[in-house]
């Protein structure tokens, strides 16, 4: 949320995303609950 406790001292949701883009850290700010395509059980080389 834009009102999250981490957004203090000039940091906002806008600058949070902007900084991640500038530093090429996009995946680090993605919602951790967002299902990704890579799964631990994908041990088949082609599938992985």
ModelCIF file with pLDDT and N, C-alpha, C, O atoms, coordinates in Angstrom:
data_MODEL
#
_entry.id   MODEL 
#
_entity.id                         1 
_entity.type                       polymer 
_entity.pdbx_number_of_molecules   1 
#
_entity_poly.entity_id                      1 
_entity_poly.type                           'polypeptide(L)' 
_entity_poly.nstd_linkage                   no 
_entity_poly.nstd_monomer                   no 
_entity_poly.pdbx_seq_one_letter_code       
;(UNK)(UNK)(UNK)(UNK)(UNK)(UNK)(UNK)(UNK)(UNK)(UNK)(UNK)(UNK)(UNK)(UNK)(UNK)(UNK)
(UNK)(UNK)(UNK)(UNK)(UNK)(UNK)(UNK)(UNK)(UNK)(UNK)(UNK)(UNK)(UNK)(UNK)(UNK)(UNK)
(UNK)(UNK)(UNK)(UNK)(UNK)(UNK)(UNK)(UNK)(UNK)(UNK)(UNK)(UNK)(UNK)(UNK)(UNK)(UNK)
;
_entity_poly.pdbx_seq_one_letter_code_can   XXXXXXXXXXXXXXXXXXXXXXXXXXXXXXXXXXXXXXXXXXXXXXXX 
_entity_poly.pdbx_strand_id                 A 
#
loop_
_entity_poly_seq.entity_id 
_entity_poly_seq.num 
_entity_poly_seq.mon_id 
_entity_poly_seq.hetero 
1 1  UNK n 
1 2  UNK n 
1 3  UNK n 
1 4  UNK n 
1 5  UNK n 
1 6  UNK n 
1 7  UNK n 
1 8  UNK n 
1 9  UNK n 
1 10 UNK n 
1 11 UNK n 
1 12 UNK n 
1 13 UNK n 
1 14 UNK n 
1 15 UNK n 
1 16 UNK n 
1 17 UNK n 
1 18 UNK n 
1 19 UNK n 
1 20 UNK n 
1 21 UNK n 
1 22 UNK n 
1 23 UNK n 
1 24 UNK n 
1 25 UNK n 
1 26 UNK n 
1 27 UNK n 
1 28 UNK n 
1 29 UNK n 
1 30 UNK n 
1 31 UNK n 
1 32 UNK n 
1 33 UNK n 
1 34 UNK n 
1 35 UNK n 
1 36 UNK n 
1 37 UNK n 
1 38 UNK n 
1 39 UNK n 
1 40 UNK n 
1 41 UNK n 
1 42 UNK n 
1 43 UNK n 
1 44 UNK n 
1 45 UNK n 
1 46 UNK n 
1 47 UNK n 
1 48 UNK n 
#
_struct_asym.id          A 
_struct_asym.entity_id   1 
#
loop_
_ma_qa_metric.id 
_ma_qa_metric.mode 
_ma_qa_metric.name 
_ma_qa_metric.software_group_id 
_ma_qa_metric.type 
1 global pLDDT . pLDDT 
2 local  pLDDT . pLDDT 
#
_ma_qa_metric_global.metric_id      1 
_ma_qa_metric_global.metric_value   81.73 
_ma_qa_metric_global.model_id       1 
_ma_qa_metric_global.ordinal_id     1 
#
loop_
_ma_qa_metric_local.label_asym_id 
_ma_qa_metric_local.label_comp_id 
_ma_qa_metric_local.label_seq_id 
_ma_qa_metric_local.metric_id 
_ma_qa_metric_local.metric_value 
_ma_qa_metric_local.model_id 
_ma_qa_metric_local.ordinal_id 
A UNK 1  2 97.00 1 1  
A UNK 2  2 97.00 1 2  
A UNK 3  2 95.00 1 3  
A UNK 4  2 95.00 1 4  
A UNK 5  2 93.00 1 5  
A UNK 6  2 94.00 1 6  
A UNK 7  2 94.00 1 7  
A UNK 8  2 91.00 1 8  
A UNK 9  2 89.00 1 9  
A UNK 10 2 87.00 1 10 
A UNK 11 2 94.00 1 11 
A UNK 12 2 96.00 1 12 
A UNK 13 2 97.00 1 13 
A UNK 14 2 97.00 1 14 
A UNK 15 2 97.00 1 15 
A UNK 16 2 97.00 1 16 
A UNK 17 2 97.00 1 17 
A UNK 18 2 97.00 1 18 
A UNK 19 2 97.00 1 19 
A UNK 20 2 97.00 1 20 
A UNK 21 2 97.00 1 21 
A UNK 22 2 96.00 1 22 
A UNK 23 2 95.00 1 23 
A UNK 24 2 94.00 1 24 
A UNK 25 2 94.00 1 25 
A UNK 26 2 95.00 1 26 
A UNK 27 2 93.00 1 27 
A UNK 28 2 94.00 1 28 
A UNK 29 2 96.00 1 29 
A UNK 30 2 96.00 1 30 
A UNK 31 2 96.00 1 31 
A UNK 32 2 93.00 1 32 
A UNK 33 2 92.00 1 33 
A UNK 34 2 90.00 1 34 
A UNK 35 2 82.00 1 35 
A UNK 36 2 69.00 1 36 
A UNK 37 2 49.00 1 37 
A UNK 38 2 44.00 1 38 
A UNK 39 2 46.00 1 39 
A UNK 40 2 47.00 1 40 
A UNK 41 2 48.00 1 41 
A UNK 42 2 44.00 1 42 
A UNK 43 2 48.00 1 43 
A UNK 44 2 49.00 1 44 
A UNK 45 2 46.00 1 45 
A UNK 46 2 41.00 1 46 
A UNK 47 2 43.00 1 47 
A UNK 48 2 48.00 1 48 
#
loop_
_atom_site.group_PDB 
_atom_site.id 
_atom_site.type_symbol 
_atom_site.label_atom_id 
_atom_site.label_alt_id 
_atom_site.label_comp_id 
_atom_site.label_asym_id 
_atom_site.label_entity_id 
_atom_site.label_seq_id 
_atom_site.pdbx_PDB_ins_code 
_atom_site.Cartn_x 
_atom_site.Cartn_y 
_atom_site.Cartn_z 
_atom_site.occupancy 
_atom_site.B_iso_or_equiv 
_atom_site.pdbx_formal_charge 
_atom_site.auth_seq_id 
_atom_site.auth_comp_id 
_atom_site.auth_asym_id 
_atom_site.auth_atom_id 
_atom_site.pdbx_PDB_model_num 
ATOM 1   N N  . UNK A 1 1  ? 0.841  -1.195  0.000   1.00 97.00 ? 1  UNK A N  1 
ATOM 2   C CA . UNK A 1 1  ? 0.000  0.000   0.000   1.00 97.00 ? 1  UNK A CA 1 
ATOM 3   C C  . UNK A 1 1  ? 0.882  1.253   0.000   1.00 97.00 ? 1  UNK A C  1 
ATOM 4   O O  . UNK A 1 1  ? 2.022  1.203   0.463   1.00 97.00 ? 1  UNK A O  1 
ATOM 5   N N  . UNK A 1 2  ? 0.367  2.375   -0.514  1.00 97.00 ? 2  UNK A N  1 
ATOM 6   C CA . UNK A 1 2  ? 1.156  3.618   -0.459  1.00 97.00 ? 2  UNK A CA 1 
ATOM 7   C C  . UNK A 1 2  ? 1.347  4.121   0.969   1.00 97.00 ? 2  UNK A C  1 
ATOM 8   O O  . UNK A 1 2  ? 2.197  4.973   1.227   1.00 97.00 ? 2  UNK A O  1 
ATOM 9   N N  . UNK A 1 3  ? 0.545  3.582   1.898   1.00 95.00 ? 3  UNK A N  1 
ATOM 10  C CA . UNK A 1 3  ? 0.638  3.986   3.307   1.00 95.00 ? 3  UNK A CA 1 
ATOM 11  C C  . UNK A 1 3  ? 1.446  2.981   4.129   1.00 95.00 ? 3  UNK A C  1 
ATOM 12  O O  . UNK A 1 3  ? 1.430  3.040   5.358   1.00 95.00 ? 3  UNK A O  1 
ATOM 13  N N  . UNK A 1 4  ? 2.143  2.069   3.474   1.00 95.00 ? 4  UNK A N  1 
ATOM 14  C CA . UNK A 1 4  ? 2.951  1.059   4.175   1.00 95.00 ? 4  UNK A CA 1 
ATOM 15  C C  . UNK A 1 4  ? 3.969  1.734   5.092   1.00 95.00 ? 4  UNK A C  1 
ATOM 16  O O  . UNK A 1 4  ? 4.468  2.818   4.789   1.00 95.00 ? 4  UNK A O  1 
ATOM 17  N N  . UNK A 1 5  ? 4.268  1.092   6.202   1.00 93.00 ? 5  UNK A N  1 
ATOM 18  C CA . UNK A 1 5  ? 5.194  1.661   7.199   1.00 93.00 ? 5  UNK A CA 1 
ATOM 19  C C  . UNK A 1 5  ? 6.600  1.926   6.656   1.00 93.00 ? 5  UNK A C  1 
ATOM 20  O O  . UNK A 1 5  ? 7.333  2.751   7.200   1.00 93.00 ? 5  UNK A O  1 
ATOM 21  N N  . UNK A 1 6  ? 6.976  1.220   5.576   1.00 94.00 ? 6  UNK A N  1 
ATOM 22  C CA . UNK A 1 6  ? 8.342  1.413   5.051   1.00 94.00 ? 6  UNK A CA 1 
ATOM 23  C C  . UNK A 1 6  ? 8.493  2.751   4.337   1.00 94.00 ? 6  UNK A C  1 
ATOM 24  O O  . UNK A 1 6  ? 9.610  3.215   4.105   1.00 94.00 ? 6  UNK A O  1 
ATOM 25  N N  . UNK A 1 7  ? 7.362  3.371   3.989   1.00 94.00 ? 7  UNK A N  1 
ATOM 26  C CA . UNK A 1 7  ? 7.443  4.612   3.227   1.00 94.00 ? 7  UNK A CA 1 
ATOM 27  C C  . UNK A 1 7  ? 7.529  5.821   4.153   1.00 94.00 ? 7  UNK A C  1 
ATOM 28  O O  . UNK A 1 7  ? 6.535  6.484   4.450   1.00 94.00 ? 7  UNK A O  1 
ATOM 29  N N  . UNK A 1 8  ? 8.765  6.081   4.599   1.00 91.00 ? 8  UNK A N  1 
ATOM 30  C CA . UNK A 1 8  ? 9.054  7.230   5.458   1.00 91.00 ? 8  UNK A CA 1 
ATOM 31  C C  . UNK A 1 8  ? 10.299 7.933   4.934   1.00 91.00 ? 8  UNK A C  1 
ATOM 32  O O  . UNK A 1 8  ? 10.983 7.424   4.046   1.00 91.00 ? 8  UNK A O  1 
ATOM 33  N N  . UNK A 1 9  ? 10.584 9.091   5.486   1.00 89.00 ? 9  UNK A N  1 
ATOM 34  C CA . UNK A 1 9  ? 11.805 9.848   5.147   1.00 89.00 ? 9  UNK A CA 1 
ATOM 35  C C  . UNK A 1 9  ? 11.965 10.053  3.642   1.00 89.00 ? 9  UNK A C  1 
ATOM 36  O O  . UNK A 1 9  ? 13.052 9.874   3.092   1.00 89.00 ? 9  UNK A O  1 
ATOM 37  N N  . UNK A 1 10 ? 10.878 10.428  2.992   1.00 87.00 ? 10 UNK A N  1 
ATOM 38  C CA . UNK A 1 10 ? 10.957 10.752  1.567   1.00 87.00 ? 10 UNK A CA 1 
ATOM 39  C C  . UNK A 1 10 ? 10.724 9.575   0.640   1.00 87.00 ? 10 UNK A C  1 
ATOM 40  O O  . UNK A 1 10 ? 10.533 9.767   -0.561  1.00 87.00 ? 10 UNK A O  1 
ATOM 41  N N  . UNK A 1 11 ? 10.737 8.357   1.174   1.00 94.00 ? 11 UNK A N  1 
ATOM 42  C CA . UNK A 1 11 ? 10.478 7.189   0.335   1.00 94.00 ? 11 UNK A CA 1 
ATOM 43  C C  . UNK A 1 11 ? 8.969  7.027   0.173   1.00 94.00 ? 11 UNK A C  1 
ATOM 44  O O  . UNK A 1 11 ? 8.219  7.089   1.147   1.00 94.00 ? 11 UNK A O  1 
ATOM 45  N N  . UNK A 1 12 ? 8.535  6.819   -1.069  1.00 96.00 ? 12 UNK A N  1 
ATOM 46  C CA . UNK A 1 12 ? 7.116  6.612   -1.368  1.00 96.00 ? 12 UNK A CA 1 
ATOM 47  C C  . UNK A 1 12 ? 6.985  5.410   -2.287  1.00 96.00 ? 12 UNK A C  1 
ATOM 48  O O  . UNK A 1 12 ? 7.989  4.876   -2.759  1.00 96.00 ? 12 UNK A O  1 
ATOM 49  N N  . UNK A 1 13 ? 5.772  4.985   -2.543  1.00 97.00 ? 13 UNK A N  1 
ATOM 50  C CA . UNK A 1 13 ? 5.561  3.869   -3.461  1.00 97.00 ? 13 UNK A CA 1 
ATOM 51  C C  . UNK A 1 13 ? 6.063  4.230   -4.857  1.00 97.00 ? 13 UNK A C  1 
ATOM 52  O O  . UNK A 1 13 ? 6.583  3.377   -5.577  1.00 97.00 ? 13 UNK A O  1 
ATOM 53  N N  . UNK A 1 14 ? 5.905  5.486   -5.230  1.00 97.00 ? 14 UNK A N  1 
ATOM 54  C CA . UNK A 1 14 ? 6.394  5.975   -6.530  1.00 97.00 ? 14 UNK A CA 1 
ATOM 55  C C  . UNK A 1 14 ? 7.919  5.868   -6.611  1.00 97.00 ? 14 UNK A C  1 
ATOM 56  O O  . UNK A 1 14 ? 8.450  5.316   -7.575  1.00 97.00 ? 14 UNK A O  1 
ATOM 57  N N  . UNK A 1 15 ? 8.625  6.394   -5.604  1.00 97.00 ? 15 UNK A N  1 
ATOM 58  C CA . UNK A 1 15 ? 10.092 6.365   -5.638  1.00 97.00 ? 15 UNK A CA 1 
ATOM 59  C C  . UNK A 1 15 ? 10.623 4.943   -5.441  1.00 97.00 ? 15 UNK A C  1 
ATOM 60  O O  . UNK A 1 15 ? 11.700 4.606   -5.933  1.00 97.00 ? 15 UNK A O  1 
ATOM 61  N N  . UNK A 1 16 ? 9.876  4.123   -4.729  1.00 97.00 ? 16 UNK A N  1 
ATOM 62  C CA . UNK A 1 16 ? 10.214 2.713   -4.521  1.00 97.00 ? 16 UNK A CA 1 
ATOM 63  C C  . UNK A 1 16 ? 10.313 2.000   -5.874  1.00 97.00 ? 16 UNK A C  1 
ATOM 64  O O  . UNK A 1 16 ? 11.276 1.283   -6.142  1.00 97.00 ? 16 UNK A O  1 
ATOM 65  N N  . UNK A 1 17 ? 9.301  2.210   -6.720  1.00 97.00 ? 17 UNK A N  1 
ATOM 66  C CA . UNK A 1 17 ? 9.292  1.592   -8.047  1.00 97.00 ? 17 UNK A CA 1 
ATOM 67  C C  . UNK A 1 17 ? 10.315 2.247   -8.972  1.00 97.00 ? 17 UNK A C  1 
ATOM 68  O O  . UNK A 1 17 ? 10.993 1.567   -9.743  1.00 97.00 ? 17 UNK A O  1 
ATOM 69  N N  . UNK A 1 18 ? 10.417 3.559   -8.889  1.00 97.00 ? 18 UNK A N  1 
ATOM 70  C CA . UNK A 1 18 ? 11.351 4.284   -9.759  1.00 97.00 ? 18 UNK A CA 1 
ATOM 71  C C  . UNK A 1 18 ? 12.795 3.857   -9.492  1.00 97.00 ? 18 UNK A C  1 
ATOM 72  O O  . UNK A 1 18 ? 13.567 3.652   -10.429 1.00 97.00 ? 18 UNK A O  1 
ATOM 73  N N  . UNK A 1 19 ? 13.156 3.723   -8.228  1.00 97.00 ? 19 UNK A N  1 
ATOM 74  C CA . UNK A 1 19 ? 14.517 3.304   -7.864  1.00 97.00 ? 19 UNK A CA 1 
ATOM 75  C C  . UNK A 1 19 ? 14.810 1.891   -8.342  1.00 97.00 ? 19 UNK A C  1 
ATOM 76  O O  . UNK A 1 19 ? 15.905 1.616   -8.833  1.00 97.00 ? 19 UNK A O  1 
ATOM 77  N N  . UNK A 1 20 ? 13.839 0.993   -8.201  1.00 97.00 ? 20 UNK A N  1 
ATOM 78  C CA . UNK A 1 20 ? 14.016 -0.387  -8.651  1.00 97.00 ? 20 UNK A CA 1 
ATOM 79  C C  . UNK A 1 20 ? 14.249 -0.450  -10.164 1.00 97.00 ? 20 UNK A C  1 
ATOM 80  O O  . UNK A 1 20 ? 15.047 -1.254  -10.645 1.00 97.00 ? 20 UNK A O  1 
ATOM 81  N N  . UNK A 1 21 ? 13.552 0.397   -10.894 1.00 97.00 ? 21 UNK A N  1 
ATOM 82  C CA . UNK A 1 21 ? 13.731 0.447   -12.348 1.00 97.00 ? 21 UNK A CA 1 
ATOM 83  C C  . UNK A 1 21 ? 15.133 0.953   -12.699 1.00 97.00 ? 21 UNK A C  1 
ATOM 84  O O  . UNK A 1 21 ? 15.810 0.383   -13.554 1.00 97.00 ? 21 UNK A O  1 
ATOM 85  N N  . UNK A 1 22 ? 15.556 2.017   -12.036 1.00 96.00 ? 22 UNK A N  1 
ATOM 86  C CA . UNK A 1 22 ? 16.867 2.601   -12.325 1.00 96.00 ? 22 UNK A CA 1 
ATOM 87  C C  . UNK A 1 22 ? 18.011 1.636   -11.987 1.00 96.00 ? 22 UNK A C  1 
ATOM 88  O O  . UNK A 1 22 ? 19.039 1.621   -12.664 1.00 96.00 ? 22 UNK A O  1 
ATOM 89  N N  . UNK A 1 23 ? 17.821 0.835   -10.941 1.00 95.00 ? 23 UNK A N  1 
ATOM 90  C CA . UNK A 1 23 ? 18.870 -0.084  -10.497 1.00 95.00 ? 23 UNK A CA 1 
ATOM 91  C C  . UNK A 1 23 ? 18.706 -1.491  -11.072 1.00 95.00 ? 23 UNK A C  1 
ATOM 92  O O  . UNK A 1 23 ? 19.458 -2.404  -10.734 1.00 95.00 ? 23 UNK A O  1 
ATOM 93  N N  . UNK A 1 24 ? 17.705 -1.649  -11.950 1.00 94.00 ? 24 UNK A N  1 
ATOM 94  C CA . UNK A 1 24 ? 17.443 -2.951  -12.579 1.00 94.00 ? 24 UNK A CA 1 
ATOM 95  C C  . UNK A 1 24 ? 17.164 -4.030  -11.537 1.00 94.00 ? 24 UNK A C  1 
ATOM 96  O O  . UNK A 1 24 ? 17.645 -5.158  -11.646 1.00 94.00 ? 24 UNK A O  1 
ATOM 97  N N  . UNK A 1 25 ? 16.376 -3.662  -10.522 1.00 94.00 ? 25 UNK A N  1 
ATOM 98  C CA . UNK A 1 25 ? 16.019 -4.589  -9.446  1.00 94.00 ? 25 UNK A CA 1 
ATOM 99  C C  . UNK A 1 25 ? 14.515 -4.848  -9.420  1.00 94.00 ? 25 UNK A C  1 
ATOM 100 O O  . UNK A 1 25 ? 13.926 -5.006  -8.350  1.00 94.00 ? 25 UNK A O  1 
ATOM 101 N N  . UNK A 1 26 ? 13.904 -4.890  -10.586 1.00 95.00 ? 26 UNK A N  1 
ATOM 102 C CA . UNK A 1 26 ? 12.454 -5.003  -10.681 1.00 95.00 ? 26 UNK A CA 1 
ATOM 103 C C  . UNK A 1 26 ? 11.908 -6.209  -9.922  1.00 95.00 ? 26 UNK A C  1 
ATOM 104 O O  . UNK A 1 26 ? 10.929 -6.082  -9.187  1.00 95.00 ? 26 UNK A O  1 
ATOM 105 N N  . UNK A 1 27 ? 12.523 -7.369  -10.089 1.00 93.00 ? 27 UNK A N  1 
ATOM 106 C CA . UNK A 1 27 ? 11.985 -8.583  -9.468  1.00 93.00 ? 27 UNK A CA 1 
ATOM 107 C C  . UNK A 1 27 ? 12.073 -8.543  -7.945  1.00 93.00 ? 27 UNK A C  1 
ATOM 108 O O  . UNK A 1 27 ? 11.385 -9.303  -7.263  1.00 93.00 ? 27 UNK A O  1 
ATOM 109 N N  . UNK A 1 28 ? 12.913 -7.664  -7.411  1.00 94.00 ? 28 UNK A N  1 
ATOM 110 C CA . UNK A 1 28 ? 13.072 -7.580  -5.959  1.00 94.00 ? 28 UNK A CA 1 
ATOM 111 C C  . UNK A 1 28 ? 11.900 -6.859  -5.279  1.00 94.00 ? 28 UNK A C  1 
ATOM 112 O O  . UNK A 1 28 ? 11.705 -6.996  -4.071  1.00 94.00 ? 28 UNK A O  1 
ATOM 113 N N  . UNK A 1 29 ? 11.119 -6.091  -6.054  1.00 96.00 ? 29 UNK A N  1 
ATOM 114 C CA . UNK A 1 29 ? 9.999  -5.365  -5.453  1.00 96.00 ? 29 UNK A CA 1 
ATOM 115 C C  . UNK A 1 29 ? 8.652  -6.009  -5.773  1.00 96.00 ? 29 UNK A C  1 
ATOM 116 O O  . UNK A 1 29 ? 7.611  -5.519  -5.332  1.00 96.00 ? 29 UNK A O  1 
ATOM 117 N N  . UNK A 1 30 ? 8.664  -7.096  -6.532  1.00 96.00 ? 30 UNK A N  1 
ATOM 118 C CA . UNK A 1 30 ? 7.419  -7.766  -6.897  1.00 96.00 ? 30 UNK A CA 1 
ATOM 119 C C  . UNK A 1 30 ? 6.780  -8.416  -5.673  1.00 96.00 ? 30 UNK A C  1 
ATOM 120 O O  . UNK A 1 30 ? 7.476  -8.940  -4.804  1.00 96.00 ? 30 UNK A O  1 
ATOM 121 N N  . UNK A 1 31 ? 5.456  -8.377  -5.615  1.00 96.00 ? 31 UNK A N  1 
ATOM 122 C CA . UNK A 1 31 ? 4.693  -9.003  -4.536  1.00 96.00 ? 31 UNK A CA 1 
ATOM 123 C C  . UNK A 1 31 ? 5.174  -10.444 -4.343  1.00 96.00 ? 31 UNK A C  1 
ATOM 124 O O  . UNK A 1 31 ? 5.101  -11.239 -5.280  1.00 96.00 ? 31 UNK A O  1 
ATOM 125 N N  . UNK A 1 32 ? 5.659  -10.795 -3.159  1.00 93.00 ? 32 UNK A N  1 
ATOM 126 C CA . UNK A 1 32 ? 6.173  -12.153 -2.927  1.00 93.00 ? 32 UNK A CA 1 
ATOM 127 C C  . UNK A 1 32 ? 5.113  -13.236 -3.074  1.00 93.00 ? 32 UNK A C  1 
ATOM 128 O O  . UNK A 1 32 ? 5.449  -14.411 -3.222  1.00 93.00 ? 32 UNK A O  1 
ATOM 129 N N  . UNK A 1 33 ? 3.820  -12.854 -3.035  1.00 92.00 ? 33 UNK A N  1 
ATOM 130 C CA . UNK A 1 33 ? 2.770  -13.867 -3.211  1.00 92.00 ? 33 UNK A CA 1 
ATOM 131 C C  . UNK A 1 33 ? 2.454  -14.127 -4.678  1.00 92.00 ? 33 UNK A C  1 
ATOM 132 O O  . UNK A 1 33 ? 1.712  -15.055 -4.999  1.00 92.00 ? 33 UNK A O  1 
ATOM 133 N N  . UNK A 1 34 ? 3.018  -13.306 -5.575  1.00 90.00 ? 34 UNK A N  1 
ATOM 134 C CA . UNK A 1 34 ? 2.743  -13.477 -7.007  1.00 90.00 ? 34 UNK A CA 1 
ATOM 135 C C  . UNK A 1 34 ? 3.343  -14.789 -7.499  1.00 90.00 ? 34 UNK A C  1 
ATOM 136 O O  . UNK A 1 34 ? 4.560  -14.966 -7.443  1.00 90.00 ? 34 UNK A O  1 
ATOM 137 N N  . UNK A 1 35 ? 2.501  -15.724 -7.986  1.00 82.00 ? 35 UNK A N  1 
ATOM 138 C CA . UNK A 1 35 ? 3.026  -17.007 -8.477  1.00 82.00 ? 35 UNK A CA 1 
ATOM 139 C C  . UNK A 1 35 ? 3.951  -16.786 -9.674  1.00 82.00 ? 35 UNK A C  1 
ATOM 140 O O  . UNK A 1 35 ? 3.571  -16.133 -10.646 1.00 82.00 ? 35 UNK A O  1 
ATOM 141 N N  . UNK A 1 36 ? 5.171  -17.336 -9.597  1.00 69.00 ? 36 UNK A N  1 
ATOM 142 C CA . UNK A 1 36 ? 6.125  -17.229 -10.690 1.00 69.00 ? 36 UNK A CA 1 
ATOM 143 C C  . UNK A 1 36 ? 6.150  -18.533 -11.487 1.00 69.00 ? 36 UNK A C  1 
ATOM 144 O O  . UNK A 1 36 ? 5.557  -19.535 -11.089 1.00 69.00 ? 36 UNK A O  1 
ATOM 145 N N  . UNK A 1 37 ? 6.839  -18.497 -12.601 1.00 49.00 ? 37 UNK A N  1 
ATOM 146 C CA . UNK A 1 37 ? 6.824  -19.659 -13.494 1.00 49.00 ? 37 UNK A CA 1 
ATOM 147 C C  . UNK A 1 37 ? 7.795  -20.748 -13.071 1.00 49.00 ? 37 UNK A C  1 
ATOM 148 O O  . UNK A 1 37 ? 7.572  -21.923 -13.362 1.00 49.00 ? 37 UNK A O  1 
ATOM 149 N N  . UNK A 1 38 ? 8.866  -20.374 -12.392 1.00 44.00 ? 38 UNK A N  1 
ATOM 150 C CA . UNK A 1 38 ? 9.847  -21.375 -11.990 1.00 44.00 ? 38 UNK A CA 1 
ATOM 151 C C  . UNK A 1 38 ? 9.412  -22.001 -10.671 1.00 44.00 ? 38 UNK A C  1 
ATOM 152 O O  . UNK A 1 38 ? 9.129  -21.295 -9.703  1.00 44.00 ? 38 UNK A O  1 
ATOM 153 N N  . UNK A 1 39 ? 9.361  -23.314 -10.638 1.00 46.00 ? 39 UNK A N  1 
ATOM 154 C CA . UNK A 1 39 ? 8.942  -24.038 -9.441  1.00 46.00 ? 39 UNK A CA 1 
ATOM 155 C C  . UNK A 1 39 ? 10.039 -25.009 -9.026  1.00 46.00 ? 39 UNK A C  1 
ATOM 156 O O  . UNK A 1 39 ? 10.762 -25.511 -9.887  1.00 46.00 ? 39 UNK A O  1 
ATOM 157 N N  . UNK A 1 40 ? 10.187 -25.288 -7.742  1.00 47.00 ? 40 UNK A N  1 
ATOM 158 C CA . UNK A 1 40 ? 11.244 -26.181 -7.247  1.00 47.00 ? 40 UNK A CA 1 
ATOM 159 C C  . UNK A 1 40 ? 11.175 -27.565 -7.869  1.00 47.00 ? 40 UNK A C  1 
ATOM 160 O O  . UNK A 1 40 ? 12.209 -28.203 -8.067  1.00 47.00 ? 40 UNK A O  1 
ATOM 161 N N  . UNK A 1 41 ? 9.963  -28.046 -8.185  1.00 48.00 ? 41 UNK A N  1 
ATOM 162 C CA . UNK A 1 41 ? 9.833  -29.399 -8.722  1.00 48.00 ? 41 UNK A CA 1 
ATOM 163 C C  . UNK A 1 41 ? 10.207 -29.512 -10.202 1.00 48.00 ? 41 UNK A C  1 
ATOM 164 O O  . UNK A 1 41 ? 10.222 -30.609 -10.760 1.00 48.00 ? 41 UNK A O  1 
ATOM 165 N N  . UNK A 1 42 ? 10.506 -28.378 -10.833 1.00 44.00 ? 42 UNK A N  1 
ATOM 166 C CA . UNK A 1 42 ? 10.888 -28.421 -12.256 1.00 44.00 ? 42 UNK A CA 1 
ATOM 167 C C  . UNK A 1 42 ? 12.334 -28.869 -12.410 1.00 44.00 ? 42 UNK A C  1 
ATOM 168 O O  . UNK A 1 42 ? 13.226 -28.038 -12.578 1.00 44.00 ? 42 UNK A O  1 
ATOM 169 N N  . UNK A 1 43 ? 12.573 -30.170 -12.355 1.00 48.00 ? 43 UNK A N  1 
ATOM 170 C CA . UNK A 1 43 ? 13.940 -30.662 -12.465 1.00 48.00 ? 43 UNK A CA 1 
ATOM 171 C C  . UNK A 1 43 ? 14.263 -31.167 -13.866 1.00 48.00 ? 43 UNK A C  1 
ATOM 172 O O  . UNK A 1 43 ? 15.414 -31.477 -14.172 1.00 48.00 ? 43 UNK A O  1 
ATOM 173 N N  . UNK A 1 44 ? 13.244 -31.247 -14.712 1.00 49.00 ? 44 UNK A N  1 
ATOM 174 C CA . UNK A 1 44 ? 13.498 -31.621 -16.097 1.00 49.00 ? 44 UNK A CA 1 
ATOM 175 C C  . UNK A 1 44 ? 14.195 -30.461 -16.804 1.00 49.00 ? 44 UNK A C  1 
ATOM 176 O O  . UNK A 1 44 ? 13.706 -29.331 -16.779 1.00 49.00 ? 44 UNK A O  1 
ATOM 177 N N  . UNK A 1 45 ? 15.338 -30.738 -17.433 1.00 46.00 ? 45 UNK A N  1 
ATOM 178 C CA . UNK A 1 45 ? 16.148 -29.662 -18.017 1.00 46.00 ? 45 UNK A CA 1 
ATOM 179 C C  . UNK A 1 45 ? 15.387 -28.818 -19.030 1.00 46.00 ? 45 UNK A C  1 
ATOM 180 O O  . UNK A 1 45 ? 15.456 -27.589 -18.999 1.00 46.00 ? 45 UNK A O  1 
ATOM 181 N N  . UNK A 1 46 ? 14.666 -29.473 -19.922 1.00 41.00 ? 46 UNK A N  1 
ATOM 182 C CA . UNK A 1 46 ? 13.952 -28.735 -20.971 1.00 41.00 ? 46 UNK A CA 1 
ATOM 183 C C  . UNK A 1 46 ? 12.842 -27.895 -20.353 1.00 41.00 ? 46 UNK A C  1 
ATOM 184 O O  . UNK A 1 46 ? 12.662 -26.728 -20.703 1.00 41.00 ? 46 UNK A O  1 
ATOM 185 N N  . UNK A 1 47 ? 12.102 -28.501 -19.429 1.00 43.00 ? 47 UNK A N  1 
ATOM 186 C CA . UNK A 1 47 ? 11.008 -27.794 -18.780 1.00 43.00 ? 47 UNK A CA 1 
ATOM 187 C C  . UNK A 1 47 ? 11.530 -26.600 -17.983 1.00 43.00 ? 47 UNK A C  1 
ATOM 188 O O  . UNK A 1 47 ? 10.931 -25.525 -18.002 1.00 43.00 ? 47 UNK A O  1 
ATOM 189 N N  . UNK A 1 48 ? 12.620 -26.789 -17.300 1.00 48.00 ? 48 UNK A N  1 
ATOM 190 C CA . UNK A 1 48 ? 13.221 -25.710 -16.519 1.00 48.00 ? 48 UNK A CA 1 
ATOM 191 C C  . UNK A 1 48 ? 13.691 -24.582 -17.421 1.00 48.00 ? 48 UNK A C  1 
ATOM 192 O O  . UNK A 1 48 ? 14.225 -23.585 -16.935 1.00 48.00 ? 48 UNK A O  1 
#
